């Protein structure tokens, strides 16, 4: 039977991936977001999170699974299966750590029984819930067919037979001083049953039967006793040994383990969303070349995971690019949330390419083919060309490979040169971005760049009107007004032209 992936719609070919370099992962704090989602990463999910795709079919395939998991009964069933498979892995790992063959065999047999229970239980639960996604429908079809195969039927029969034989093993211990002798079971009175019957007349319920023994590998006495018990019950323990030899790998285990791991991609993502607040995240619509793009109540997910109070206290912002609009030019005062806004913008696009939830209450976003960032960095003494030349070379390299599906995020680029030169060079860069058709966001101090025509949108980080020194960390779509901000600050600190002139005249 061919395997079924619930992350990739086709195993025949690898879909195109979103190109994101290490600098962009760091600049946008995407590495921090992934670390926060994964935690200990017991399933080795990092390769999935590190390979976002630019393939529309793959993203829609994953969106469908998230939609199914929004149904409580479906999520409960699959979460229970994941817990059962975790138990199977733990039991197999415990068995592998045992040196005594019978102890190891018992753990393997127990894991096999729980493996079968996990599969049959999941099949029954999935048959009772309204699955709509292509991925989970394929998996359910695969699972139902697998449960009827001769290979699994034989496996289940052997597991049941070996367990039944071990359950019927009885023996007698004769303890004399420091000597313990193991013998076949004698016909002895069951004192537990006698005591239970005696107290039943007083309404006392008999205790539940003891579970399977859990052997301690350090207890040498247990191992010796187990060898003696095996000697008086050779048939049962011979079957246990044969089971371990014949089923070193359970039937279908590789395919089931792959499903379990890929399911963890979705469940881990959703557990993270629960911590941040599911109402604050959404599955975005995918935009095509003719539709506007937007995000409502978008926020920096990395900042939300670092917040020591409540994630809801992280400020959210709205933005929109209508048809024909390609660039957002962000201006405003220092420490006003501009760089945070740029990071949130990039995170939205990266997580969209993962096919997952994004940090916004609603969004329609493009599926990019690459994300490039250019964040200002201190000039290195060893750089022979200087900071400005290095920035220009990087921007040139980016624009050389950019397409109409690319995204470029610049933060204080060209701040190493004067205003006039920066405005001239910046206009040339934006004109090239418009020519290519890429989407861009540029955080800058140069208000002139916000006046580039209809393809550029100006957004301004705002301050409190009653206290210009207090940042609101909210951005508004309006014309750049750096001069107005400076005037408000000058008024606050008594540095307007009139006040300064009055003070100079008073000192004359």
Protein backbone atom coordinates (compact mmCIF):
# COMPACT_ATOMS: atom_id res chain seq x y z
CA UNK A 1 0.00 0.00 0.00
CA UNK A 2 1.29 3.45 -0.89
CA UNK A 3 1.85 5.92 1.92
CA UNK A 4 -0.38 8.97 2.36
CA UNK A 5 0.99 12.35 3.41
CA UNK A 6 -1.26 14.90 5.11
CA UNK A 7 1.33 17.67 4.64
CA UNK A 8 2.25 17.25 0.97
CA UNK A 9 -0.55 16.57 -1.56
CA UNK A 10 1.72 14.56 -3.85
CA UNK A 11 4.81 12.47 -3.25
CA UNK A 12 5.55 12.33 -6.99
CA UNK A 13 7.35 15.67 -7.05
CA UNK A 14 8.57 18.30 -4.63
CA UNK A 15 6.51 21.50 -4.81
CA UNK A 16 8.37 24.81 -5.18
CA UNK A 17 9.57 26.24 -1.89
CA UNK A 18 9.59 29.79 -0.59
CA UNK A 19 13.14 31.15 -0.74
CA UNK A 20 14.06 32.75 2.61
CA UNK A 21 17.66 33.26 3.64
CA UNK A 22 19.05 33.13 7.17
CA UNK A 23 19.24 36.93 7.38
CA UNK A 24 15.51 37.22 6.74
CA UNK A 25 14.71 34.55 9.34
CA UNK A 26 16.69 36.55 11.89
CA UNK A 27 15.53 40.03 10.84
CA UNK A 28 11.87 39.05 10.96
CA UNK A 29 12.28 37.01 14.18
CA UNK A 30 10.79 34.03 12.36
CA UNK A 31 13.36 31.79 14.03
CA UNK A 32 11.97 32.90 17.40
CA UNK A 33 8.41 32.20 16.28
CA UNK A 34 9.32 28.69 15.11
CA UNK A 35 11.13 27.98 18.39
CA UNK A 36 8.07 29.14 20.33
CA UNK A 37 5.76 26.91 18.29
CA UNK A 38 7.96 23.81 18.46
CA UNK A 39 9.10 23.86 22.06
CA UNK A 40 11.01 20.63 22.73
CA UNK A 41 10.18 19.40 19.17
CA UNK A 42 9.75 15.72 20.06
CA UNK A 43 8.61 14.96 16.50
CA UNK A 44 11.51 16.66 14.67
CA UNK A 45 9.12 19.09 12.96
CA UNK A 46 11.71 21.79 12.29
CA UNK A 47 12.35 20.60 8.71
CA UNK A 48 8.66 21.15 7.89
CA UNK A 49 8.61 24.61 9.47
CA UNK A 50 11.88 25.49 7.73
CA UNK A 51 10.50 24.69 4.27
CA UNK A 52 7.54 26.94 3.50
CA UNK A 53 6.14 26.48 0.03
CA UNK A 54 5.10 28.79 -2.77
CA UNK A 55 2.73 26.14 -4.15
CA UNK A 56 -0.94 27.12 -3.94
CA UNK A 57 -2.17 23.50 -4.03
CA UNK A 58 0.01 22.53 -1.05
CA UNK A 59 -1.12 25.50 1.03
CA UNK A 60 -4.80 24.84 0.29
CA UNK A 61 -4.24 21.15 1.14
CA UNK A 62 -3.02 22.17 4.61
CA UNK A 63 -5.75 24.78 5.06
CA UNK A 64 -8.33 22.03 4.63
CA UNK A 65 -6.77 20.01 7.45
CA UNK A 66 -6.79 23.02 9.77
CA UNK A 67 -10.47 23.51 8.89
CA UNK A 68 -11.20 19.88 9.85
CA UNK A 69 -9.30 20.28 13.11
CA UNK A 70 -11.47 23.27 13.97
CA UNK A 71 -14.23 20.66 14.53
CA UNK A 72 -13.94 19.61 18.17
CA UNK A 73 -14.74 15.93 17.63
CA UNK A 74 -12.12 15.58 14.89
CA UNK A 75 -9.43 17.32 16.92
CA UNK A 76 -10.29 15.22 19.98
CA UNK A 77 -10.05 11.99 18.00
CA UNK A 78 -6.70 12.87 16.46
CA UNK A 79 -5.29 14.25 19.71
CA UNK A 80 -6.21 10.97 21.39
CA UNK A 81 -4.50 9.01 18.63
CA UNK A 82 -1.35 11.11 19.06
CA UNK A 83 -1.37 10.38 22.80
CA UNK A 84 -1.77 6.65 22.14
CA UNK A 85 1.12 6.66 19.68
CA UNK A 86 3.27 8.50 22.20
CA UNK A 87 2.58 5.66 24.63
CA UNK A 88 3.56 3.12 21.96
CA UNK A 89 6.85 4.92 21.32
CA UNK A 90 7.58 5.12 25.04
CA UNK A 91 6.94 1.40 25.47
CA UNK A 92 9.12 0.50 22.50
CA UNK A 93 11.88 2.72 23.89
CA UNK A 94 11.55 1.07 27.30
CA UNK A 95 11.76 -2.35 25.72
CA UNK A 96 14.84 -1.38 23.73
CA UNK A 97 16.53 -0.35 26.98
CA UNK A 98 15.98 -3.74 28.61
CA UNK A 99 18.81 -6.24 28.45
CA UNK A 100 16.77 -9.22 29.63
CA UNK A 101 15.08 -10.78 26.56
CA UNK A 102 11.79 -11.66 28.29
CA UNK A 103 11.44 -8.18 29.78
CA UNK A 104 12.22 -6.65 26.41
CA UNK A 105 9.72 -8.96 24.73
CA UNK A 106 6.97 -8.08 27.19
CA UNK A 107 7.35 -4.34 26.51
CA UNK A 108 7.33 -4.96 22.76
CA UNK A 109 4.20 -7.07 23.06
CA UNK A 110 2.51 -4.40 25.16
CA UNK A 111 3.45 -1.73 22.60
CA UNK A 112 2.04 -3.92 19.82
CA UNK A 113 -1.29 -4.26 21.61
CA UNK A 114 -1.52 -0.50 22.15
CA UNK A 115 -0.51 0.09 18.52
CA UNK A 116 -3.44 -2.03 17.35
CA UNK A 117 -5.78 -0.30 19.79
CA UNK A 118 -4.64 3.11 18.51
CA UNK A 119 -5.34 2.16 14.89
CA UNK A 120 -8.70 0.49 15.43
CA UNK A 121 -9.83 3.22 17.80
CA UNK A 122 -8.89 5.96 15.35
CA UNK A 123 -10.65 4.18 12.49
CA UNK A 124 -13.86 3.99 14.51
CA UNK A 125 -13.69 7.65 15.58
CA UNK A 126 -12.87 8.98 12.12
CA UNK A 127 -15.77 7.02 10.69
CA UNK A 128 -18.11 8.97 12.97
CA UNK A 129 -16.93 12.53 12.27
CA UNK A 130 -17.52 14.82 9.25
CA UNK A 131 -14.10 14.86 7.61
CA UNK A 132 -13.94 17.16 4.57
CA UNK A 133 -10.23 17.63 3.86
CA UNK A 134 -8.64 15.68 1.03
CA UNK A 135 -5.66 14.82 3.27
CA UNK A 136 -7.58 13.25 6.15
CA UNK A 137 -10.03 11.57 3.78
CA UNK A 138 -7.11 9.90 2.03
CA UNK A 139 -5.65 8.83 5.35
CA UNK A 140 -8.94 7.38 6.59
CA UNK A 141 -9.30 5.42 3.35
CA UNK A 142 -5.74 4.12 3.73
CA UNK A 143 -6.31 3.17 7.36
CA UNK A 144 -9.55 1.29 6.74
CA UNK A 145 -7.94 -0.66 3.91
CA UNK A 146 -4.83 -1.40 5.98
CA UNK A 147 -6.88 -2.79 8.87
CA UNK A 148 -8.29 -5.47 6.54
CA UNK A 149 -4.95 -6.62 5.12
CA UNK A 150 -3.81 -10.16 5.81
CA UNK A 151 -0.56 -8.86 7.21
CA UNK A 152 -2.24 -6.83 9.94
CA UNK A 153 -4.88 -9.48 10.58
CA UNK A 154 -2.15 -12.08 11.22
CA UNK A 155 -0.27 -9.63 13.41
CA UNK A 156 -3.35 -8.93 15.54
CA UNK A 157 -4.03 -12.65 15.89
CA UNK A 158 -0.47 -13.38 17.03
CA UNK A 159 -0.53 -10.51 19.53
CA UNK A 160 -3.81 -11.75 21.01
CA UNK A 161 -2.58 -15.35 21.21
CA UNK A 162 0.74 -14.50 22.88
CA UNK A 163 -0.95 -12.20 25.38
CA UNK A 164 -3.55 -14.85 26.18
CA UNK A 165 -0.87 -17.48 26.79
CA UNK A 166 1.10 -15.15 29.06
CA UNK A 167 -2.07 -14.19 30.91
CA UNK A 168 -2.63 -17.86 31.73
CA UNK A 169 0.85 -18.47 33.10
CA UNK A 170 0.58 -19.56 36.73
CA UNK A 171 3.35 -20.61 39.07
CA UNK A 172 4.06 -21.22 42.72
CA UNK A 173 6.88 -19.72 44.74
CA UNK A 174 8.25 -21.73 47.66
CA UNK A 175 10.33 -19.53 49.92
CA UNK A 176 12.53 -21.22 52.48
CA UNK A 177 14.98 -18.98 54.26
CA UNK A 178 17.15 -17.44 51.56
CA UNK A 179 15.99 -19.93 48.93
CA UNK A 180 13.21 -19.26 46.43
CA UNK A 181 11.94 -22.13 44.33
CA UNK A 182 9.67 -21.64 41.28
CA UNK A 183 7.31 -24.51 40.52
CA UNK A 184 4.24 -25.11 38.36
CA UNK A 185 1.10 -23.62 39.90
CA UNK A 186 -0.44 -25.68 42.67
CA UNK A 187 -4.15 -25.82 43.42
CA UNK A 188 -4.16 -23.23 46.19
CA UNK A 189 -6.99 -21.29 47.70
CA UNK A 190 -7.40 -17.79 46.26
CA UNK A 191 -7.29 -15.80 49.50
CA UNK A 192 -7.94 -12.53 47.66
CA UNK A 193 -11.28 -13.85 46.44
CA UNK A 194 -12.17 -15.14 49.93
CA UNK A 195 -11.45 -11.75 51.51
CA UNK A 196 -13.32 -9.89 48.77
CA UNK A 197 -16.40 -12.09 49.28
CA UNK A 198 -16.22 -11.61 53.02
CA UNK A 199 -16.25 -7.82 52.83
CA UNK A 200 -18.77 -7.70 49.99
CA UNK A 201 -21.58 -8.23 52.50
CA UNK A 202 -20.62 -4.87 54.04
CA UNK A 203 -20.85 -3.09 50.69
CA UNK A 204 -17.10 -2.98 50.08
CA UNK A 205 -16.26 -3.30 46.38
CA UNK A 206 -13.48 -5.67 45.41
CA UNK A 207 -10.32 -3.88 44.29
CA UNK A 208 -9.60 -3.62 40.59
CA UNK A 209 -7.32 -6.37 39.29
CA UNK A 210 -3.66 -5.48 39.22
CA UNK A 211 -2.26 -4.27 35.93
CA UNK A 212 0.55 -5.84 33.99
CA UNK A 213 3.79 -6.02 35.99
CA UNK A 214 6.40 -3.42 35.13
CA UNK A 215 9.80 -5.01 35.45
CA UNK A 216 12.78 -3.15 36.87
CA UNK A 217 15.92 -3.86 34.83
CA UNK A 218 18.09 -3.19 37.85
CA UNK A 219 16.36 -5.88 39.90
CA UNK A 220 18.50 -8.94 39.22
CA UNK A 221 16.22 -11.06 41.39
CA UNK A 222 13.28 -10.34 39.08
CA UNK A 223 15.29 -11.46 36.09
CA UNK A 224 16.29 -14.70 37.79
CA UNK A 225 12.71 -15.39 38.83
CA UNK A 226 11.51 -14.60 35.32
CA UNK A 227 13.95 -17.12 33.88
CA UNK A 228 12.63 -19.72 36.31
CA UNK A 229 9.01 -18.91 35.43
CA UNK A 230 9.88 -19.22 31.73
CA UNK A 231 11.41 -22.62 32.47
CA UNK A 232 8.13 -23.91 33.94
CA UNK A 233 6.05 -22.27 31.14
CA UNK A 234 8.22 -22.79 28.06
CA UNK A 235 5.39 -22.64 25.52
CA UNK A 236 4.16 -19.16 26.48
CA UNK A 237 7.61 -17.64 26.72
CA UNK A 238 8.69 -19.40 23.55
CA UNK A 239 5.83 -17.66 21.77
CA UNK A 240 6.97 -14.34 23.28
CA UNK A 241 10.50 -14.90 21.96
CA UNK A 242 9.19 -15.83 18.53
CA UNK A 243 7.01 -12.71 18.47
CA UNK A 244 10.03 -10.48 19.10
CA UNK A 245 11.93 -12.26 16.35
CA UNK A 246 9.13 -12.18 13.78
CA UNK A 247 7.92 -8.63 14.42
CA UNK A 248 10.96 -6.48 14.96
CA UNK A 249 8.97 -3.82 13.09
CA UNK A 250 5.19 -3.71 13.37
CA UNK A 251 3.23 -3.94 10.09
CA UNK A 252 2.60 -0.49 8.63
CA UNK A 253 4.56 1.19 11.40
CA UNK A 254 6.62 3.44 9.11
CA UNK A 255 3.50 4.82 7.40
CA UNK A 256 1.67 5.26 10.71
CA UNK A 257 4.67 6.97 12.30
CA UNK A 258 4.86 9.36 9.34
CA UNK A 259 1.18 10.20 9.75
CA UNK A 260 1.71 10.68 13.49
CA UNK A 261 4.60 13.09 12.85
CA UNK A 262 2.75 15.06 10.18
CA UNK A 263 -0.33 15.23 12.39
CA UNK A 264 1.92 16.75 15.05
CA UNK A 265 2.64 19.63 12.63
CA UNK A 266 -1.02 20.64 12.88
CA UNK A 267 -1.61 19.81 16.55
CA UNK A 268 1.57 21.55 17.70
CA UNK A 269 0.62 24.63 15.70
CA UNK A 270 -2.87 24.62 17.22
CA UNK A 271 -1.59 24.23 20.78
CA UNK A 272 0.59 27.27 20.18
CA UNK A 273 -2.43 29.15 18.80
CA UNK A 274 -4.36 28.23 21.97
CA UNK A 275 -1.63 29.85 24.07
CA UNK A 276 -1.55 33.04 22.01
CA UNK A 277 -5.33 33.19 21.60
CA UNK A 278 -7.11 31.50 18.72
CA UNK A 279 -9.28 34.56 18.09
CA UNK A 280 -6.13 36.52 17.30
CA UNK A 281 -4.99 34.12 14.57
CA UNK A 282 -6.67 33.06 11.35
CA UNK A 283 -6.25 30.92 8.28
CA UNK A 284 -5.74 33.54 5.56
CA UNK A 285 -7.40 33.72 2.19
CA UNK A 286 -4.96 33.38 -0.68
CA UNK A 287 -4.81 36.39 -2.98
CA UNK A 288 -4.26 36.20 -6.71
CA UNK A 289 -2.68 38.83 -8.94
CA UNK A 290 -5.94 40.74 -9.36
CA UNK A 291 -7.12 41.02 -5.74
CA UNK A 292 -6.20 43.42 -2.99
CA UNK A 293 -4.24 42.13 -0.03
CA UNK A 294 -4.76 43.07 3.60
CA UNK A 295 -4.41 42.05 7.22
CA UNK A 296 -6.63 43.17 10.10
CA UNK A 297 -5.30 43.33 13.65
CA UNK A 298 -1.91 42.01 12.58
CA UNK A 299 0.81 41.79 15.22
CA UNK A 300 4.37 40.60 15.81
CA UNK A 301 4.01 36.98 16.88
CA UNK A 302 7.54 36.83 18.25
CA UNK A 303 6.77 39.80 20.49
CA UNK A 304 3.58 38.12 21.69
CA UNK A 305 5.50 35.00 22.72
CA UNK A 306 7.98 37.11 24.70
CA UNK A 307 5.34 39.17 26.47
CA UNK A 308 5.41 38.72 30.23
CA UNK A 309 1.85 39.91 30.71
CA UNK A 310 -0.87 38.89 28.29
CA UNK A 311 -0.34 38.41 24.53
CA UNK A 312 -3.47 40.49 23.96
CA UNK A 313 -1.54 43.55 25.18
CA UNK A 314 0.64 43.46 22.08
CA UNK A 315 -0.56 46.26 19.78
CA UNK A 316 -2.14 45.17 16.49
CA UNK A 317 -2.39 47.14 13.25
CA UNK A 318 -4.32 46.99 9.99
CA UNK A 319 -2.87 47.41 6.52
CA UNK A 320 -4.07 47.07 2.94
CA UNK A 321 -2.69 47.20 -0.57
CA UNK A 322 -5.31 47.64 -3.26
CA UNK A 323 -4.89 46.52 -6.84
CA UNK A 324 -1.97 48.42 -8.35
CA UNK A 325 -0.46 49.27 -4.96
CA UNK A 326 2.85 47.48 -4.35
CA UNK A 327 4.81 49.29 -1.64
CA UNK A 328 4.15 50.42 1.93
CA UNK A 329 6.43 53.26 3.04
CA UNK A 330 6.52 53.44 6.84
CA UNK A 331 7.65 56.65 8.53
CA UNK A 332 7.30 58.19 11.97
CA UNK A 333 9.22 58.76 15.20
CA UNK A 334 11.88 56.46 16.62
CA UNK A 335 10.66 53.65 18.87
CA UNK A 336 7.19 54.03 17.41
CA UNK A 337 6.67 50.42 16.33
CA UNK A 338 7.82 50.72 12.72
CA UNK A 339 10.32 47.85 12.80
CA UNK A 340 7.86 45.70 14.76
CA UNK A 341 5.29 46.38 12.03
CA UNK A 342 7.80 45.31 9.37
CA UNK A 343 8.50 42.07 11.23
CA UNK A 344 4.80 41.33 11.59
CA UNK A 345 4.40 41.92 7.83
CA UNK A 346 7.12 39.38 7.04
CA UNK A 347 5.84 36.83 9.54
CA UNK A 348 2.40 36.96 7.93
CA UNK A 349 3.84 36.05 4.55
CA UNK A 350 6.14 33.32 5.87
CA UNK A 351 3.41 31.61 7.88
CA UNK A 352 1.04 31.88 4.92
CA UNK A 353 3.58 29.86 2.93
CA UNK A 354 3.54 27.21 5.69
CA UNK A 355 -0.18 26.80 5.16
CA UNK A 356 -0.77 27.63 8.81
CA UNK A 357 -2.50 30.20 10.95
CA UNK A 358 -1.21 33.78 10.79
CA UNK A 359 -1.16 36.56 13.43
CA UNK A 360 -4.21 38.52 12.30
CA UNK A 361 -7.95 38.38 12.92
CA UNK A 362 -8.54 38.17 9.16
CA UNK A 363 -6.28 38.41 6.12
CA UNK A 364 -5.98 37.96 2.38
CA UNK A 365 -2.33 37.43 1.53
CA UNK A 366 -0.19 36.58 -1.48
CA UNK A 367 1.82 33.39 -1.72
CA UNK A 368 5.34 34.69 -2.28
CA UNK A 369 8.16 32.88 -4.06
CA UNK A 370 10.88 34.59 -1.99
CA UNK A 371 11.27 36.97 0.95
CA UNK A 372 14.34 39.19 1.17
CA UNK A 373 15.14 41.62 3.96
CA UNK A 374 17.56 44.52 4.22
CA UNK A 375 17.81 45.70 7.80
CA UNK A 376 20.31 48.39 8.70
CA UNK A 377 23.49 47.08 10.32
CA UNK A 378 26.49 48.77 11.86
CA UNK A 379 29.36 49.36 9.47
CA UNK A 380 32.12 46.77 9.78
CA UNK A 381 35.70 48.01 9.99
CA UNK A 382 36.81 45.16 7.75
CA UNK A 383 34.31 46.09 5.00
CA UNK A 384 36.43 47.56 2.17
CA UNK A 385 33.47 49.11 0.34
CA UNK A 386 31.69 50.88 3.20
CA UNK A 387 28.17 50.48 4.53
CA UNK A 388 26.36 52.31 1.73
CA UNK A 389 28.06 50.37 -1.04
CA UNK A 390 27.37 47.09 0.79
CA UNK A 391 23.69 47.99 1.09
CA UNK A 392 23.44 48.89 -2.58
CA UNK A 393 25.11 45.66 -3.65
CA UNK A 394 22.69 43.63 -1.53
CA UNK A 395 19.69 45.50 -2.91
CA UNK A 396 20.97 45.00 -6.45
CA UNK A 397 21.38 41.27 -5.90
CA UNK A 398 17.85 41.09 -4.48
CA UNK A 399 16.28 42.95 -7.38
CA UNK A 400 18.17 40.85 -9.91
CA UNK A 401 16.29 37.71 -8.75
CA UNK A 402 13.00 39.34 -7.73
CA UNK A 403 9.80 38.43 -9.54
CA UNK A 404 6.23 39.61 -9.46
CA UNK A 405 5.66 37.19 -6.53
CA UNK A 406 8.63 38.34 -4.44
CA UNK A 407 8.54 40.37 -1.23
CA UNK A 408 11.24 42.84 -0.20
CA UNK A 409 11.34 44.30 3.32
CA UNK A 410 13.76 47.17 3.95
CA UNK A 411 14.42 48.74 7.33
CA UNK A 412 16.36 52.04 7.47
CA UNK A 413 18.21 51.14 4.29
CA UNK A 414 20.31 54.09 2.94
CA UNK A 415 20.50 55.71 6.39
CA UNK A 416 24.29 55.80 5.92
CA UNK A 417 24.03 58.63 3.39
CA UNK A 418 22.55 62.12 3.26
CA UNK A 419 18.88 62.90 2.75
CA UNK A 420 19.19 64.14 -0.82
CA UNK A 421 21.21 61.16 -2.04
CA UNK A 422 19.06 58.71 -0.08
CA UNK A 423 15.88 60.12 -1.59
CA UNK A 424 17.29 59.89 -5.12
CA UNK A 425 18.63 56.34 -4.70
CA UNK A 426 15.51 55.26 -2.84
CA UNK A 427 13.26 56.46 -5.65
CA UNK A 428 15.31 54.46 -8.12
CA UNK A 429 15.01 51.33 -5.96
CA UNK A 430 11.26 51.74 -5.59
CA UNK A 431 10.88 52.34 -9.31
CA UNK A 432 12.73 49.08 -9.98
CA UNK A 433 10.51 47.23 -7.49
CA UNK A 434 7.43 48.63 -9.24
CA UNK A 435 8.85 47.59 -12.61
CA UNK A 436 9.34 44.02 -11.38
CA UNK A 437 5.93 43.97 -9.70
CA UNK A 438 7.24 42.80 -6.32
CA UNK A 439 5.60 43.74 -3.01
CA UNK A 440 7.73 45.90 -0.74
CA UNK A 441 7.67 47.43 2.72
CA UNK A 442 10.23 50.11 3.54
CA UNK A 443 10.76 51.57 7.01
CA UNK A 444 12.55 54.89 6.48
CA UNK A 445 13.24 58.34 7.86
CA UNK A 446 12.98 59.86 4.39
CA UNK A 447 9.46 61.17 3.91
CA UNK A 448 10.19 61.83 0.25
CA UNK A 449 9.99 58.10 -0.47
CA UNK A 450 6.34 58.05 0.59
CA UNK A 451 5.44 60.27 -2.38
CA UNK A 452 6.20 57.91 -5.25
CA UNK A 453 2.86 57.83 -6.97
CA UNK A 454 -0.12 55.50 -6.86
CA UNK A 455 1.89 52.29 -6.38
CA UNK A 456 3.28 53.46 -3.00
CA UNK A 457 1.22 53.74 0.19
CA UNK A 458 2.27 55.88 3.13
CA UNK A 459 1.81 54.63 6.69
CA UNK A 460 2.84 56.67 9.72
CA UNK A 461 3.61 55.56 13.27
CA UNK A 462 1.46 57.74 15.50
CA UNK A 463 1.90 59.41 18.86
CA UNK A 464 -0.59 60.55 21.48
CA UNK A 465 -2.06 63.89 20.30
CA UNK A 466 -2.04 65.15 23.89
CA UNK A 467 1.50 63.93 24.54
CA UNK A 468 3.67 63.80 21.38
CA UNK A 469 6.43 62.06 23.31
CA UNK A 470 4.25 59.00 24.01
CA UNK A 471 4.20 56.35 21.30
CA UNK A 472 0.95 54.54 20.56
CA UNK A 473 2.67 51.86 18.42
CA UNK A 474 -0.22 52.17 15.98
CA UNK A 475 0.23 52.98 12.33
CA UNK A 476 -2.18 54.94 10.18
CA UNK A 477 -2.48 55.12 6.45
CA UNK A 478 -1.87 58.81 5.74
CA UNK A 479 0.68 61.16 4.29
CA UNK A 480 4.11 61.29 5.90
CA UNK A 481 4.34 64.19 8.37
CA UNK A 482 7.76 64.10 9.92
CA UNK A 483 7.88 67.89 9.99
CA UNK A 484 4.58 68.07 11.91
CA UNK A 485 5.94 65.60 14.46
CA UNK A 486 9.03 67.73 14.92
CA UNK A 487 6.92 70.85 15.44
CA UNK A 488 4.84 69.11 18.14
CA UNK A 489 7.98 68.02 19.95
CA UNK A 490 9.46 71.50 19.65
CA UNK A 491 6.33 72.96 21.20
CA UNK A 492 6.43 70.46 24.05
CA UNK A 493 9.99 71.35 25.00
CA UNK A 494 9.69 75.10 24.30
CA UNK A 495 11.90 74.99 21.21
CA UNK A 496 9.65 76.64 18.62
CA UNK A 497 11.13 79.43 16.52
CA UNK A 498 9.13 82.04 18.42
CA UNK A 499 10.06 80.78 21.89
CA UNK A 500 13.75 80.48 21.00
CA UNK A 501 13.72 84.00 19.51
CA UNK A 502 12.04 85.40 22.62
CA UNK A 503 14.65 83.80 24.87
CA UNK A 504 17.51 85.09 22.73
CA UNK A 505 16.06 88.61 22.76
CA UNK A 506 15.55 88.49 26.51
CA UNK A 507 19.23 87.68 26.99
CA UNK A 508 20.44 90.47 24.70
